[in-house]
Amino acid sequence: SMSRYQAALLCLGLFILLLYVGRPGPLEQTSWLWGGPNVTVLAGLTQGNAPIFYREVPPLHRGVEVVLLHGKAFNSHTWVQLGTLQLLSQRGYRAVALDLPGSPEHFLAPLGLHLFPGFGNSAPSKETSTAAGRAELLERVLQDLEVQKAVLVSPSLSGRYALPFLMRAHHQLRGFVPIAPTSTQDYTPEQFWTVKTPTLILYGELDHTLAQESLRQLRHLPNHSVVKLPNAGHACYLHKPQDFHLALLAFLDHLP
């Protein structure tokens, strides 16, 4: 009969196989994108009662500022692992990646709302319970970091922050890069039409749900372009980082 050790090995093998099969696309090497001298990634906390953790790479020369949010189960370190912060710095852009805060369970439980845990080093904040609160939090973080006229990169769940911020403070943005974000259904086509911010809509070809839902709404932005990354799933920047970086840089390099 099979020993407990053999059974454990079999279960582990099946688990790894399921992870591999369930992954929408292969990861690619990205070292070629930012080869050269080592780049220092700085880390810190913003000021105030609910400090936000961030990672930053100062540019080699002053340029457009790019603020990167993250999706569920990711954090600011994702953009370091992909080389995105380093690449942007070497291309002359100030790159800042934030750890979005979670929602405190004791605050949301009486309201019957789901807990959105933080996935990085930022403490939970009760501001995250409303769209207005999330927009104000993001606005305050940008002020604390002295970010002006930023390009905001918003994948997936971070749309809960980026979309309300876009609607109330789009005049503060130089550009917007939504990557199959959530919360687009909360706004009307007319509301999107009023936002003149240059926008790059990015999504993975294999993302048949959130990407398509958000695209139907985001296409009402009057100043947008669309890039579909082939053979990439919902987290298309992970599956096709090379294509993602090239599309992002092309958008940034041609901003007015």
Protein backbone atom coordinates (compact mmCIF):
# COMPACT_ATOMS: atom_id res chain seq x y z
CA SER A 1 0.00 0.00 0.00
CA MET A 2 1.04 3.62 -0.51
CA SER A 3 2.91 5.15 2.40
CA ARG A 4 1.96 8.49 3.91
CA TYR A 5 5.17 9.95 2.49
CA GLN A 6 4.34 8.74 -1.03
CA ALA A 7 0.78 10.04 -0.70
CA ALA A 8 2.09 13.44 0.37
CA LEU A 9 4.46 13.54 -2.61
CA LEU A 10 1.61 12.63 -4.95
CA CYS A 11 -0.62 15.39 -3.54
CA LEU A 12 2.21 17.91 -3.87
CA GLY A 13 2.79 16.89 -7.48
CA LEU A 14 -0.90 17.22 -8.32
CA PHE A 15 -1.01 20.65 -6.67
CA ILE A 16 1.97 21.88 -8.71
CA LEU A 17 0.40 20.46 -11.87
CA LEU A 18 -2.87 22.28 -11.16
CA LEU A 19 -1.02 25.53 -10.58
CA TYR A 20 0.77 25.15 -13.90
CA VAL A 21 -2.31 24.17 -15.89
CA GLY A 22 -4.39 26.95 -14.32
CA ARG A 23 -1.89 29.66 -15.16
CA PRO A 24 -3.09 31.64 -18.20
CA GLY A 25 0.35 32.03 -19.77
CA PRO A 26 4.06 31.49 -19.24
CA LEU A 27 6.24 33.97 -17.42
CA GLU A 28 8.97 35.56 -19.50
CA GLN A 29 12.41 36.79 -18.60
CA THR A 30 12.62 40.58 -18.42
CA SER A 31 16.27 41.16 -17.54
CA TRP A 32 17.02 42.40 -21.07
CA LEU A 33 14.71 45.35 -20.52
CA TRP A 34 16.78 47.00 -17.82
CA GLY A 35 20.23 45.55 -18.13
CA GLY A 36 23.06 47.82 -17.16
CA PRO A 37 24.08 49.50 -13.93
CA ASN A 38 22.32 48.51 -10.74
CA VAL A 39 19.33 50.65 -9.81
CA THR A 40 18.55 51.49 -6.18
CA VAL A 41 14.94 50.97 -5.15
CA LEU A 42 13.98 53.24 -2.25
CA ALA A 43 11.20 52.43 0.22
CA GLY A 44 9.30 54.55 2.72
CA LEU A 45 6.03 55.50 4.38
CA THR A 46 3.89 58.54 3.73
CA GLN A 47 2.97 60.91 6.56
CA GLY A 48 -0.28 60.94 8.53
CA ASN A 49 -2.44 58.65 10.64
CA ALA A 50 -2.72 55.94 7.98
CA PRO A 51 0.73 55.86 6.33
CA ILE A 52 1.03 54.18 2.95
CA PHE A 53 4.10 52.11 2.11
CA TYR A 54 5.74 52.84 -1.24
CA ARG A 55 8.71 51.88 -3.35
CA GLU A 56 10.38 54.42 -5.60
CA VAL A 57 13.19 54.67 -8.12
CA PRO A 58 14.28 58.26 -8.83
CA PRO A 59 14.81 59.00 -12.54
CA LEU A 60 18.20 59.49 -14.11
CA HIS A 61 16.81 62.83 -15.26
CA ARG A 62 13.59 64.66 -14.46
CA GLY A 63 10.57 63.49 -16.41
CA VAL A 64 6.97 62.32 -16.20
CA GLU A 65 5.97 60.64 -12.94
CA VAL A 66 4.41 57.16 -13.09
CA VAL A 67 2.42 55.81 -10.12
CA LEU A 68 1.76 52.07 -10.14
CA LEU A 69 -1.04 50.46 -8.16
CA HIS A 70 -1.56 46.69 -7.90
CA GLY A 71 -4.20 44.00 -8.10
CA LYS A 72 -5.41 41.52 -5.53
CA ALA A 73 -2.69 39.25 -4.07
CA PHE A 74 0.04 41.58 -5.36
CA ASN A 75 1.84 44.62 -3.95
CA SER A 76 4.45 47.20 -4.88
CA HIS A 77 7.19 44.55 -4.94
CA THR A 78 5.55 43.06 -8.05
CA TRP A 79 6.79 46.04 -10.07
CA VAL A 80 10.32 45.56 -8.71
CA GLN A 81 10.32 41.86 -9.61
CA LEU A 82 9.17 42.65 -13.15
CA GLY A 83 11.82 45.35 -13.49
CA THR A 84 9.16 47.97 -14.24
CA LEU A 85 10.39 50.53 -11.69
CA GLN A 86 13.98 50.11 -12.82
CA LEU A 87 13.11 50.33 -16.50
CA LEU A 88 11.02 53.48 -16.06
CA SER A 89 13.82 55.15 -14.10
CA GLN A 90 16.36 54.40 -16.79
CA ARG A 91 14.01 55.86 -19.38
CA GLY A 92 13.82 59.10 -17.38
CA TYR A 93 10.55 58.60 -15.53
CA ARG A 94 10.08 58.88 -11.80
CA ALA A 95 8.44 55.58 -10.81
CA VAL A 96 6.49 55.10 -7.58
CA ALA A 97 4.67 51.90 -6.61
CA LEU A 98 2.18 51.87 -3.72
CA ASP A 99 0.99 49.18 -1.34
CA LEU A 100 -2.76 49.69 -1.16
CA PRO A 101 -4.22 49.41 2.34
CA GLY A 102 -6.72 46.79 3.38
CA SER A 103 -10.09 47.44 5.00
CA PRO A 104 -10.23 46.93 8.78
CA GLU A 105 -12.53 43.99 9.53
CA HIS A 106 -13.97 45.55 12.68
CA PHE A 107 -15.08 48.57 10.64
CA LEU A 108 -16.71 46.66 7.78
CA ALA A 109 -18.28 43.75 9.65
CA PRO A 110 -21.26 45.74 11.02
CA LEU A 111 -21.97 46.94 7.48
CA GLY A 112 -22.06 43.41 6.12
CA LEU A 113 -19.22 44.17 3.70
CA HIS A 114 -16.39 41.88 2.63
CA LEU A 115 -12.90 42.31 4.01
CA PHE A 116 -10.30 43.52 1.52
CA PRO A 117 -7.00 42.63 3.17
CA GLY A 118 -3.84 44.51 2.41
CA PHE A 119 -1.19 42.59 0.51
CA GLY A 120 1.80 44.72 1.42
CA ASN A 121 3.15 46.90 4.18
CA SER A 122 0.36 49.49 4.44
CA ALA A 123 -1.91 49.31 7.47
CA PRO A 124 -5.69 48.90 7.05
CA SER A 125 -7.62 52.16 6.70
CA LYS A 126 -11.30 52.88 7.24
CA GLU A 127 -11.12 55.31 4.32
CA THR A 128 -11.20 52.30 2.00
CA SER A 129 -14.85 51.60 2.79
CA THR A 130 -16.18 54.29 0.39
CA ALA A 131 -15.27 55.36 -3.13
CA ALA A 132 -14.84 58.95 -1.96
CA GLY A 133 -12.56 57.82 0.85
CA ARG A 134 -10.37 55.81 -1.51
CA ALA A 135 -10.09 58.73 -3.92
CA GLU A 136 -9.15 61.08 -1.06
CA LEU A 137 -6.57 58.59 0.22
CA LEU A 138 -4.91 58.36 -3.18
CA GLU A 139 -5.00 62.13 -3.61
CA ARG A 140 -3.36 62.61 -0.22
CA VAL A 141 -0.64 60.06 -1.01
CA LEU A 142 0.23 61.83 -4.25
CA GLN A 143 0.44 65.14 -2.39
CA ASP A 144 2.66 63.62 0.31
CA LEU A 145 5.01 62.22 -2.34
CA GLU A 146 4.97 65.55 -4.23
CA VAL A 147 3.71 63.81 -7.34
CA GLN A 148 2.24 66.19 -9.91
CA LYS A 149 0.63 65.34 -13.24
CA ALA A 150 1.24 61.62 -12.81
CA VAL A 151 0.45 58.74 -15.10
CA LEU A 152 -1.61 56.32 -13.03
CA VAL A 153 -1.29 52.58 -13.77
CA SER A 154 -4.23 50.62 -12.37
CA PRO A 155 -4.63 46.86 -12.69
CA SER A 156 -7.64 44.85 -11.54
CA LEU A 157 -8.81 45.49 -7.96
CA SER A 158 -6.95 48.83 -7.79
CA GLY A 159 -9.72 50.22 -9.98
CA ARG A 160 -11.56 50.70 -6.67
CA TYR A 161 -9.08 53.53 -6.06
CA ALA A 162 -8.21 54.69 -9.56
CA LEU A 163 -11.72 55.07 -10.99
CA PRO A 164 -13.14 57.33 -8.26
CA PHE A 165 -9.89 59.32 -8.32
CA LEU A 166 -10.12 59.64 -12.10
CA MET A 167 -13.68 60.94 -11.88
CA ARG A 168 -12.97 63.60 -9.28
CA ALA A 169 -9.34 64.54 -9.96
CA HIS A 170 -8.53 63.64 -13.58
CA HIS A 171 -7.17 67.14 -14.10
CA GLN A 172 -4.30 66.07 -11.80
CA LEU A 173 -3.30 63.23 -14.13
CA ARG A 174 -1.00 63.34 -17.13
CA GLY A 175 -2.18 59.91 -18.25
CA PHE A 176 -4.15 56.82 -17.20
CA VAL A 177 -3.31 53.16 -17.85
CA PRO A 178 -6.15 50.86 -16.76
CA ILE A 179 -5.41 47.12 -16.96
CA ALA A 180 -8.79 45.35 -16.73
CA PRO A 181 -9.76 47.36 -13.64
CA THR A 182 -12.70 46.80 -11.35
CA SER A 183 -15.36 49.44 -10.58
CA THR A 184 -15.92 50.67 -14.15
CA GLN A 185 -19.58 49.64 -13.85
CA ASP A 186 -20.06 52.27 -11.14
CA TYR A 187 -19.96 55.08 -13.69
CA THR A 188 -22.03 56.07 -16.72
CA PRO A 189 -20.79 56.57 -20.29
CA GLU A 190 -21.47 60.27 -19.83
CA GLN A 191 -19.16 60.41 -16.82
CA PHE A 192 -16.36 58.73 -18.76
CA TRP A 193 -16.90 61.10 -21.66
CA THR A 194 -16.06 64.12 -19.49
CA VAL A 195 -12.56 62.75 -18.73
CA LYS A 196 -10.08 64.05 -21.31
CA THR A 197 -7.01 62.37 -19.79
CA PRO A 198 -4.88 60.46 -22.35
CA THR A 199 -5.58 56.79 -21.64
CA LEU A 200 -3.96 53.50 -22.63
CA ILE A 201 -6.39 50.60 -22.13
CA LEU A 202 -4.34 47.43 -21.67
CA TYR A 203 -5.67 43.90 -21.30
CA GLY A 204 -4.79 40.27 -21.92
CA GLU A 205 -6.30 38.37 -24.83
CA LEU A 206 -7.25 35.44 -22.58
CA ASP A 207 -9.10 37.61 -20.03
CA HIS A 208 -12.69 37.09 -21.16
CA THR A 209 -14.46 38.55 -18.13
CA LEU A 210 -13.17 41.65 -16.35
CA ALA A 211 -11.20 42.87 -19.36
CA GLN A 212 -14.27 42.82 -21.58
CA GLU A 213 -16.54 44.36 -18.93
CA SER A 214 -14.13 47.22 -18.28
CA LEU A 215 -13.43 47.76 -21.98
CA ARG A 216 -17.13 48.34 -22.67
CA GLN A 217 -17.07 51.23 -20.20
CA LEU A 218 -13.55 52.58 -20.71
CA ARG A 219 -14.02 52.96 -24.49
CA HIS A 220 -16.26 55.93 -23.65
CA LEU A 221 -13.14 57.85 -22.59
CA PRO A 222 -12.69 60.28 -25.50
CA ASN A 223 -8.86 60.21 -25.64
CA HIS A 224 -7.96 56.52 -25.48
CA SER A 225 -6.05 53.82 -27.30
CA VAL A 226 -6.31 50.06 -26.78
CA VAL A 227 -3.58 47.41 -26.66
CA LYS A 228 -4.45 43.72 -26.38
CA LEU A 229 -1.57 41.53 -25.25
CA PRO A 230 -1.69 38.15 -27.04
CA ASN A 231 -1.63 34.88 -25.07
CA ALA A 232 -1.90 36.75 -21.76
CA GLY A 233 -4.50 36.41 -19.03
CA HIS A 234 -5.93 38.82 -16.49
CA ALA A 235 -2.51 39.72 -15.00
CA CYS A 236 -1.19 40.34 -18.52
CA TYR A 237 1.85 42.28 -17.28
CA LEU A 238 3.04 39.08 -15.54
CA HIS A 239 2.40 36.79 -18.47
CA LYS A 240 3.82 39.10 -21.15
CA PRO A 241 6.05 41.64 -19.36
CA GLN A 242 8.08 42.36 -22.48
CA ASP A 243 5.00 43.33 -24.50
CA PHE A 244 3.56 45.19 -21.52
CA HIS A 245 6.68 47.29 -21.03
CA LEU A 246 6.95 48.13 -24.71
CA ALA A 247 3.30 49.26 -24.85
CA LEU A 248 3.65 51.31 -21.66
CA LEU A 249 6.85 53.01 -22.82
CA ALA A 250 5.36 53.82 -26.23
CA PHE A 251 2.39 55.47 -24.50
CA LEU A 252 4.60 57.43 -22.08
CA ASP A 253 7.06 58.52 -24.72
CA HIS A 254 4.29 60.05 -26.85
CA LEU A 255 2.36 61.89 -24.15
CA PRO A 256 1.78 65.55 -24.99
